């Protein structure tokens, strides 16, 4: 993220190890429940143990020329997230991070998101597409 930082909510689990208590939006690698260590500056310095979770990130694009399609796309994606019983967090009206535990099947959501992407109304990626890096 070119020098930018993302704030993560962490819960202490002991011995200087913390568990990610939120769904990361923009940082590659970490997911809900992953265990990490912090540097002296209180920044995540390393991933200690991965949880069985993945993060599906979706960026909704403003359709042209009909901005009303953004609402329809958002509603379809929200409905699929809800139907699958998945946790999600939003950043504004266009960014969604979805927690995908190993025991959940996100197939219907994935089909919907891929359809929206094929129509140029969304971009999606797995947050573990690249490994976690401190950038230093």
N, C-alpha and C. Protein backbone atom coordinates (compact mmCIF):
# COMPACT_ATOMS: atom_id res chain seq x y z
N UNK A 1 0.81 -1.19 0.00
CA UNK A 1 0.00 0.00 0.00
C UNK A 1 0.86 1.25 0.00
N UNK A 2 2.07 1.15 -0.49
CA UNK A 2 2.94 2.30 -0.65
C UNK A 2 3.02 3.19 0.60
N UNK A 3 3.44 2.62 1.71
CA UNK A 3 3.64 3.40 2.92
C UNK A 3 2.41 3.62 3.76
N UNK A 4 1.24 3.26 3.26
CA UNK A 4 0.02 3.40 4.04
C UNK A 4 -0.09 2.23 5.01
N UNK A 5 -0.86 2.44 6.07
CA UNK A 5 -1.04 1.39 7.07
C UNK A 5 -2.51 1.15 7.31
N UNK A 6 -2.83 -0.07 7.68
CA UNK A 6 -4.20 -0.42 8.02
C UNK A 6 -4.28 -0.72 9.51
N UNK A 7 -5.28 -0.17 10.16
CA UNK A 7 -5.48 -0.44 11.59
C UNK A 7 -6.22 -1.76 11.72
N UNK A 8 -5.67 -2.67 12.52
CA UNK A 8 -6.32 -3.96 12.78
C UNK A 8 -6.69 -4.03 14.25
N UNK A 9 -7.85 -4.58 14.54
CA UNK A 9 -8.24 -4.84 15.92
C UNK A 9 -7.65 -6.17 16.32
N UNK A 10 -6.93 -6.19 17.44
CA UNK A 10 -6.25 -7.39 17.91
C UNK A 10 -6.66 -7.69 19.34
N UNK A 11 -6.72 -8.98 19.65
CA UNK A 11 -6.98 -9.43 21.02
C UNK A 11 -5.75 -10.15 21.53
N UNK A 12 -5.26 -9.81 22.72
CA UNK A 12 -4.09 -10.52 23.25
C UNK A 12 -4.46 -11.96 23.61
N UNK A 13 -3.56 -12.89 23.25
CA UNK A 13 -3.78 -14.30 23.60
C UNK A 13 -2.67 -14.82 24.51
N UNK A 14 -1.66 -13.97 24.78
CA UNK A 14 -0.59 -14.33 25.70
C UNK A 14 0.77 -14.41 25.03
N UNK A 15 1.81 -14.23 25.84
CA UNK A 15 3.20 -14.31 25.38
C UNK A 15 3.50 -13.41 24.19
N UNK A 16 2.90 -12.22 24.17
CA UNK A 16 3.16 -11.28 23.09
C UNK A 16 2.51 -11.62 21.76
N UNK A 17 1.58 -12.55 21.81
CA UNK A 17 0.86 -12.96 20.59
C UNK A 17 -0.55 -12.40 20.65
N UNK A 18 -1.05 -11.97 19.47
CA UNK A 18 -2.38 -11.38 19.37
C UNK A 18 -3.16 -12.10 18.27
N UNK A 19 -4.48 -12.10 18.43
CA UNK A 19 -5.36 -12.70 17.43
C UNK A 19 -6.10 -11.59 16.69
N UNK A 20 -6.13 -11.66 15.37
CA UNK A 20 -6.85 -10.65 14.57
C UNK A 20 -8.34 -10.76 14.88
N UNK A 21 -8.93 -9.65 15.34
CA UNK A 21 -10.34 -9.63 15.75
C UNK A 21 -11.21 -8.85 14.77
N UNK A 22 -10.69 -8.63 13.57
CA UNK A 22 -11.45 -7.94 12.53
C UNK A 22 -11.08 -8.56 11.19
N UNK A 23 -11.81 -8.18 10.17
CA UNK A 23 -11.53 -8.67 8.83
C UNK A 23 -10.69 -7.60 8.13
N UNK A 24 -9.43 -7.89 7.80
CA UNK A 24 -8.59 -6.89 7.14
C UNK A 24 -9.13 -6.51 5.76
N UNK A 25 -9.10 -5.21 5.46
CA UNK A 25 -9.59 -4.72 4.17
C UNK A 25 -8.51 -4.69 3.11
N UNK A 26 -7.36 -4.20 3.45
CA UNK A 26 -6.39 -3.89 2.41
C UNK A 26 -5.03 -4.58 2.58
N UNK A 27 -4.77 -5.13 3.72
CA UNK A 27 -3.49 -5.78 3.96
C UNK A 27 -3.53 -7.19 3.39
N UNK A 28 -2.51 -7.55 2.64
CA UNK A 28 -2.43 -8.91 2.12
C UNK A 28 -1.99 -9.86 3.21
N UNK A 29 -2.57 -11.03 3.24
CA UNK A 29 -2.15 -12.09 4.13
C UNK A 29 -3.04 -12.35 5.31
N UNK A 30 -3.18 -11.43 6.27
CA UNK A 30 -3.91 -11.78 7.49
C UNK A 30 -5.41 -11.95 7.28
N UNK A 31 -6.00 -12.78 8.13
CA UNK A 31 -7.44 -13.02 8.14
C UNK A 31 -7.92 -13.06 9.58
N UNK A 32 -9.22 -13.03 9.76
CA UNK A 32 -9.83 -13.10 11.08
C UNK A 32 -9.30 -14.33 11.83
N UNK A 33 -8.85 -14.11 13.05
CA UNK A 33 -8.37 -15.22 13.87
C UNK A 33 -6.91 -15.58 13.72
N UNK A 34 -6.23 -15.01 12.72
CA UNK A 34 -4.79 -15.26 12.58
C UNK A 34 -4.07 -14.72 13.81
N UNK A 35 -2.99 -15.38 14.18
CA UNK A 35 -2.20 -14.93 15.33
C UNK A 35 -0.94 -14.25 14.84
N UNK A 36 -0.64 -13.10 15.45
CA UNK A 36 0.47 -12.27 15.01
C UNK A 36 1.27 -11.76 16.20
N UNK A 37 2.47 -11.29 15.93
CA UNK A 37 3.30 -10.61 16.92
C UNK A 37 3.45 -9.16 16.49
N UNK A 38 3.69 -8.30 17.49
CA UNK A 38 3.84 -6.88 17.22
C UNK A 38 5.29 -6.45 17.40
N UNK A 39 5.66 -5.41 16.68
CA UNK A 39 6.98 -4.81 16.83
C UNK A 39 6.96 -3.87 18.03
N UNK A 40 8.09 -3.24 18.32
CA UNK A 40 8.17 -2.26 19.41
C UNK A 40 7.29 -1.05 19.13
N UNK A 41 6.97 -0.81 17.86
CA UNK A 41 6.11 0.32 17.46
C UNK A 41 4.63 -0.07 17.41
N UNK A 42 4.29 -1.22 17.97
CA UNK A 42 2.91 -1.72 17.96
C UNK A 42 2.38 -1.95 16.55
N UNK A 43 3.23 -2.37 15.64
CA UNK A 43 2.82 -2.74 14.30
C UNK A 43 2.99 -4.25 14.15
N UNK A 44 2.13 -4.86 13.36
CA UNK A 44 2.26 -6.30 13.13
C UNK A 44 3.60 -6.55 12.47
N UNK A 45 4.40 -7.39 13.09
CA UNK A 45 5.74 -7.66 12.57
C UNK A 45 5.85 -9.04 11.93
N UNK A 46 5.00 -9.98 12.36
CA UNK A 46 5.04 -11.31 11.75
C UNK A 46 3.75 -12.06 12.02
N UNK A 47 3.45 -12.95 11.11
CA UNK A 47 2.32 -13.87 11.28
C UNK A 47 2.86 -15.11 11.98
N UNK A 48 2.23 -15.47 13.10
CA UNK A 48 2.69 -16.60 13.90
C UNK A 48 1.94 -17.87 13.53
N UNK A 49 0.61 -17.76 13.39
CA UNK A 49 -0.22 -18.94 13.10
C UNK A 49 -1.44 -18.50 12.31
N UNK A 50 -1.68 -19.19 11.20
CA UNK A 50 -2.85 -18.87 10.39
C UNK A 50 -4.08 -19.56 10.96
N UNK A 51 -5.20 -18.86 10.88
CA UNK A 51 -6.48 -19.49 11.21
C UNK A 51 -6.93 -20.23 9.95
N UNK A 52 -8.07 -20.81 10.00
CA UNK A 52 -8.59 -21.51 8.81
C UNK A 52 -9.46 -20.57 7.97
N UNK A 53 -9.35 -19.26 8.21
CA UNK A 53 -10.18 -18.28 7.52
C UNK A 53 -9.44 -17.68 6.32
N UNK A 54 -10.24 -17.24 5.35
CA UNK A 54 -9.73 -16.46 4.22
C UNK A 54 -10.56 -15.19 4.12
N UNK A 55 -10.04 -14.21 3.42
CA UNK A 55 -10.78 -12.96 3.22
C UNK A 55 -11.01 -12.78 1.72
N UNK A 56 -12.28 -12.61 1.38
CA UNK A 56 -12.67 -12.27 0.01
C UNK A 56 -12.94 -10.78 0.00
N UNK A 57 -12.18 -10.05 -0.80
CA UNK A 57 -12.37 -8.59 -0.88
C UNK A 57 -13.09 -8.25 -2.17
N UNK A 58 -14.07 -7.37 -2.03
CA UNK A 58 -14.87 -6.97 -3.18
C UNK A 58 -14.88 -5.45 -3.24
N UNK A 59 -14.58 -4.92 -4.40
CA UNK A 59 -14.69 -3.49 -4.62
C UNK A 59 -15.78 -3.29 -5.67
N UNK A 60 -16.82 -2.59 -5.28
CA UNK A 60 -17.93 -2.32 -6.19
C UNK A 60 -17.61 -1.09 -7.02
N UNK A 61 -17.79 -1.21 -8.31
CA UNK A 61 -17.48 -0.13 -9.23
C UNK A 61 -18.74 0.63 -9.58
N UNK A 62 -18.62 1.93 -9.72
CA UNK A 62 -19.77 2.74 -10.11
C UNK A 62 -20.07 2.45 -11.57
N UNK A 63 -21.24 1.89 -11.83
CA UNK A 63 -21.56 1.59 -13.22
C UNK A 63 -21.87 2.85 -14.01
N UNK A 64 -21.61 2.77 -15.28
CA UNK A 64 -21.88 3.91 -16.15
C UNK A 64 -22.81 3.43 -17.26
N UNK A 65 -23.79 4.14 -17.66
CA UNK A 65 -24.18 5.48 -17.22
C UNK A 65 -25.24 5.44 -16.13
N UNK A 66 -25.61 4.28 -15.59
CA UNK A 66 -26.73 4.15 -14.66
C UNK A 66 -26.22 3.90 -13.24
N UNK A 67 -26.04 4.96 -12.40
CA UNK A 67 -25.55 4.76 -11.03
C UNK A 67 -26.47 3.91 -10.17
N UNK A 68 -27.73 3.75 -10.55
CA UNK A 68 -28.65 2.91 -9.79
C UNK A 68 -28.24 1.45 -9.79
N UNK A 69 -27.44 1.06 -10.75
CA UNK A 69 -26.97 -0.33 -10.81
C UNK A 69 -26.05 -0.66 -9.63
N UNK A 70 -25.36 0.36 -9.08
CA UNK A 70 -24.51 0.13 -7.91
C UNK A 70 -25.34 -0.39 -6.75
N UNK A 71 -26.51 0.17 -6.56
CA UNK A 71 -27.40 -0.27 -5.48
C UNK A 71 -27.85 -1.71 -5.73
N UNK A 72 -28.19 -2.03 -6.96
CA UNK A 72 -28.60 -3.40 -7.28
C UNK A 72 -27.47 -4.39 -7.05
N UNK A 73 -26.28 -4.03 -7.48
CA UNK A 73 -25.11 -4.90 -7.27
C UNK A 73 -24.84 -5.09 -5.79
N UNK A 74 -24.87 -4.00 -5.04
CA UNK A 74 -24.65 -4.07 -3.59
C UNK A 74 -25.69 -4.96 -2.93
N UNK A 75 -26.94 -4.81 -3.30
CA UNK A 75 -28.01 -5.62 -2.71
C UNK A 75 -27.82 -7.11 -3.02
N UNK A 76 -27.42 -7.44 -4.25
CA UNK A 76 -27.20 -8.85 -4.61
C UNK A 76 -26.07 -9.44 -3.78
N UNK A 77 -24.99 -8.70 -3.65
CA UNK A 77 -23.84 -9.22 -2.90
C UNK A 77 -24.18 -9.33 -1.42
N UNK A 78 -24.84 -8.33 -0.86
CA UNK A 78 -25.26 -8.41 0.55
C UNK A 78 -26.17 -9.61 0.80
N UNK A 79 -27.09 -9.86 -0.12
CA UNK A 79 -28.01 -10.99 0.03
C UNK A 79 -27.25 -12.31 0.05
N UNK A 80 -26.26 -12.46 -0.81
CA UNK A 80 -25.48 -13.70 -0.85
C UNK A 80 -24.64 -13.87 0.41
N UNK A 81 -24.07 -12.77 0.91
CA UNK A 81 -23.29 -12.83 2.15
C UNK A 81 -24.20 -13.28 3.29
N UNK A 82 -25.37 -12.69 3.36
CA UNK A 82 -26.34 -13.03 4.41
C UNK A 82 -26.82 -14.47 4.29
N UNK A 83 -27.16 -14.89 3.08
CA UNK A 83 -27.66 -16.25 2.86
C UNK A 83 -26.62 -17.30 3.26
N UNK A 84 -25.35 -16.98 3.06
CA UNK A 84 -24.28 -17.91 3.41
C UNK A 84 -23.92 -17.84 4.89
N UNK A 85 -24.50 -16.87 5.61
CA UNK A 85 -24.20 -16.72 7.04
C UNK A 85 -22.77 -16.27 7.30
N UNK A 86 -22.23 -15.47 6.41
CA UNK A 86 -20.84 -15.02 6.53
C UNK A 86 -20.76 -13.66 7.21
N UNK A 87 -19.65 -13.43 7.88
CA UNK A 87 -19.36 -12.12 8.45
C UNK A 87 -18.74 -11.24 7.38
N UNK A 88 -19.05 -9.95 7.45
CA UNK A 88 -18.43 -9.02 6.51
C UNK A 88 -18.26 -7.68 7.19
N UNK A 89 -17.36 -6.90 6.66
CA UNK A 89 -17.16 -5.53 7.10
C UNK A 89 -17.10 -4.66 5.87
N UNK A 90 -17.60 -3.45 6.00
CA UNK A 90 -17.65 -2.52 4.88
C UNK A 90 -16.74 -1.32 5.16
N UNK A 91 -16.21 -0.78 4.10
CA UNK A 91 -15.46 0.46 4.15
C UNK A 91 -16.09 1.37 3.11
N UNK A 92 -16.91 2.30 3.57
CA UNK A 92 -17.65 3.14 2.64
C UNK A 92 -18.74 2.33 1.97
N UNK A 93 -19.21 2.81 0.83
CA UNK A 93 -20.30 2.11 0.16
C UNK A 93 -19.81 1.20 -0.96
N UNK A 94 -18.48 1.10 -1.15
CA UNK A 94 -18.00 0.30 -2.27
C UNK A 94 -17.02 -0.80 -1.92
N UNK A 95 -16.53 -0.87 -0.69
CA UNK A 95 -15.56 -1.90 -0.33
C UNK A 95 -16.16 -2.84 0.71
N UNK A 96 -16.05 -4.14 0.44
CA UNK A 96 -16.56 -5.16 1.34
C UNK A 96 -15.47 -6.20 1.54
N UNK A 97 -15.22 -6.55 2.79
CA UNK A 97 -14.31 -7.65 3.13
C UNK A 97 -15.16 -8.74 3.77
N UNK A 98 -15.08 -9.95 3.23
CA UNK A 98 -15.92 -11.05 3.70
C UNK A 98 -15.04 -12.14 4.32
N UNK A 99 -15.38 -12.54 5.53
CA UNK A 99 -14.68 -13.62 6.22
C UNK A 99 -15.22 -14.94 5.70
N UNK A 100 -14.30 -15.81 5.23
CA UNK A 100 -14.68 -17.13 4.72
C UNK A 100 -14.01 -18.20 5.58
N UNK A 101 -14.72 -18.74 6.58
CA UNK A 101 -14.15 -19.84 7.37
C UNK A 101 -14.04 -21.10 6.52
N UNK A 102 -13.14 -21.99 6.89
CA UNK A 102 -12.91 -23.21 6.11
C UNK A 102 -14.16 -24.10 6.03
N UNK A 103 -15.04 -24.00 7.03
CA UNK A 103 -16.21 -24.88 7.04
C UNK A 103 -17.43 -24.29 6.31
N UNK A 104 -17.25 -23.18 5.62
CA UNK A 104 -18.35 -22.55 4.88
C UNK A 104 -18.11 -22.65 3.38
N UNK A 105 -19.18 -22.81 2.64
CA UNK A 105 -19.10 -22.88 1.19
C UNK A 105 -19.55 -21.55 0.60
N UNK A 106 -18.60 -20.77 0.07
CA UNK A 106 -18.96 -19.46 -0.50
C UNK A 106 -19.31 -19.52 -1.99
N UNK A 107 -19.65 -20.70 -2.50
CA UNK A 107 -19.85 -20.87 -3.94
C UNK A 107 -20.86 -19.90 -4.54
N UNK A 108 -22.03 -19.76 -3.91
CA UNK A 108 -23.05 -18.88 -4.46
C UNK A 108 -22.59 -17.43 -4.46
N UNK A 109 -21.92 -17.01 -3.38
CA UNK A 109 -21.38 -15.66 -3.33
C UNK A 109 -20.34 -15.48 -4.42
N UNK A 110 -19.48 -16.46 -4.57
CA UNK A 110 -18.41 -16.38 -5.56
C UNK A 110 -18.99 -16.27 -6.98
N UNK A 111 -20.03 -17.03 -7.27
CA UNK A 111 -20.68 -16.96 -8.58
C UNK A 111 -21.25 -15.56 -8.82
N UNK A 112 -21.92 -15.02 -7.80
CA UNK A 112 -22.50 -13.67 -7.91
C UNK A 112 -21.42 -12.63 -8.13
N UNK A 113 -20.35 -12.70 -7.36
CA UNK A 113 -19.27 -11.71 -7.49
C UNK A 113 -18.59 -11.84 -8.85
N UNK A 114 -18.35 -13.05 -9.31
CA UNK A 114 -17.73 -13.24 -10.63
C UNK A 114 -18.63 -12.70 -11.74
N UNK A 115 -19.93 -12.87 -11.60
CA UNK A 115 -20.88 -12.34 -12.60
C UNK A 115 -20.82 -10.80 -12.62
N UNK A 116 -20.79 -10.19 -11.42
CA UNK A 116 -20.70 -8.72 -11.35
C UNK A 116 -19.37 -8.23 -11.92
N UNK A 117 -18.30 -8.97 -11.68
CA UNK A 117 -16.99 -8.59 -12.22
C UNK A 117 -16.98 -8.71 -13.75
N UNK A 118 -17.60 -9.76 -14.27
CA UNK A 118 -17.66 -9.94 -15.72
C UNK A 118 -18.43 -8.80 -16.39
N UNK A 119 -19.37 -8.20 -15.65
CA UNK A 119 -20.15 -7.07 -16.17
C UNK A 119 -19.48 -5.73 -15.83
N UNK A 120 -18.24 -5.77 -15.36
CA UNK A 120 -17.48 -4.57 -14.99
C UNK A 120 -18.15 -3.75 -13.90
N UNK A 121 -18.85 -4.43 -12.98
CA UNK A 121 -19.48 -3.73 -11.86
C UNK A 121 -18.76 -4.02 -10.54
N UNK A 122 -17.75 -4.89 -10.57
CA UNK A 122 -17.03 -5.22 -9.35
C UNK A 122 -15.64 -5.75 -9.69
N UNK A 123 -14.76 -5.63 -8.71
CA UNK A 123 -13.43 -6.25 -8.76
C UNK A 123 -13.32 -7.06 -7.48
N UNK A 124 -12.74 -8.24 -7.54
CA UNK A 124 -12.59 -9.05 -6.33
C UNK A 124 -11.21 -9.69 -6.32
N UNK A 125 -10.79 -10.06 -5.10
CA UNK A 125 -9.55 -10.80 -4.94
C UNK A 125 -9.55 -11.49 -3.59
N UNK A 126 -8.75 -12.55 -3.49
CA UNK A 126 -8.50 -13.17 -2.21
C UNK A 126 -7.38 -12.39 -1.54
N UNK A 127 -7.55 -12.08 -0.26
CA UNK A 127 -6.56 -11.29 0.46
C UNK A 127 -5.25 -12.05 0.67
N UNK A 128 -5.28 -13.38 0.50
CA UNK A 128 -4.04 -14.15 0.63
C UNK A 128 -3.41 -14.40 -0.75
N UNK A 129 -3.77 -13.57 -1.73
CA UNK A 129 -3.17 -13.68 -3.07
C UNK A 129 -1.67 -13.39 -3.00
N UNK A 130 -1.26 -12.62 -2.00
CA UNK A 130 0.15 -12.36 -1.74
C UNK A 130 0.39 -12.59 -0.25
N UNK A 131 1.58 -13.01 0.12
CA UNK A 131 1.85 -13.23 1.55
C UNK A 131 1.96 -11.91 2.31
N UNK A 132 1.74 -12.00 3.62
CA UNK A 132 1.90 -10.83 4.48
C UNK A 132 3.34 -10.35 4.44
N UNK A 133 3.51 -9.04 4.42
CA UNK A 133 4.83 -8.44 4.44
C UNK A 133 4.75 -7.14 5.23
N UNK A 134 5.78 -6.87 6.01
CA UNK A 134 5.79 -5.62 6.77
C UNK A 134 6.19 -4.44 5.90
N UNK A 135 6.64 -4.69 4.70
CA UNK A 135 7.03 -3.62 3.80
C UNK A 135 8.39 -3.04 4.09
N UNK A 136 9.08 -3.56 5.09
CA UNK A 136 10.40 -3.01 5.40
C UNK A 136 11.50 -3.86 4.83
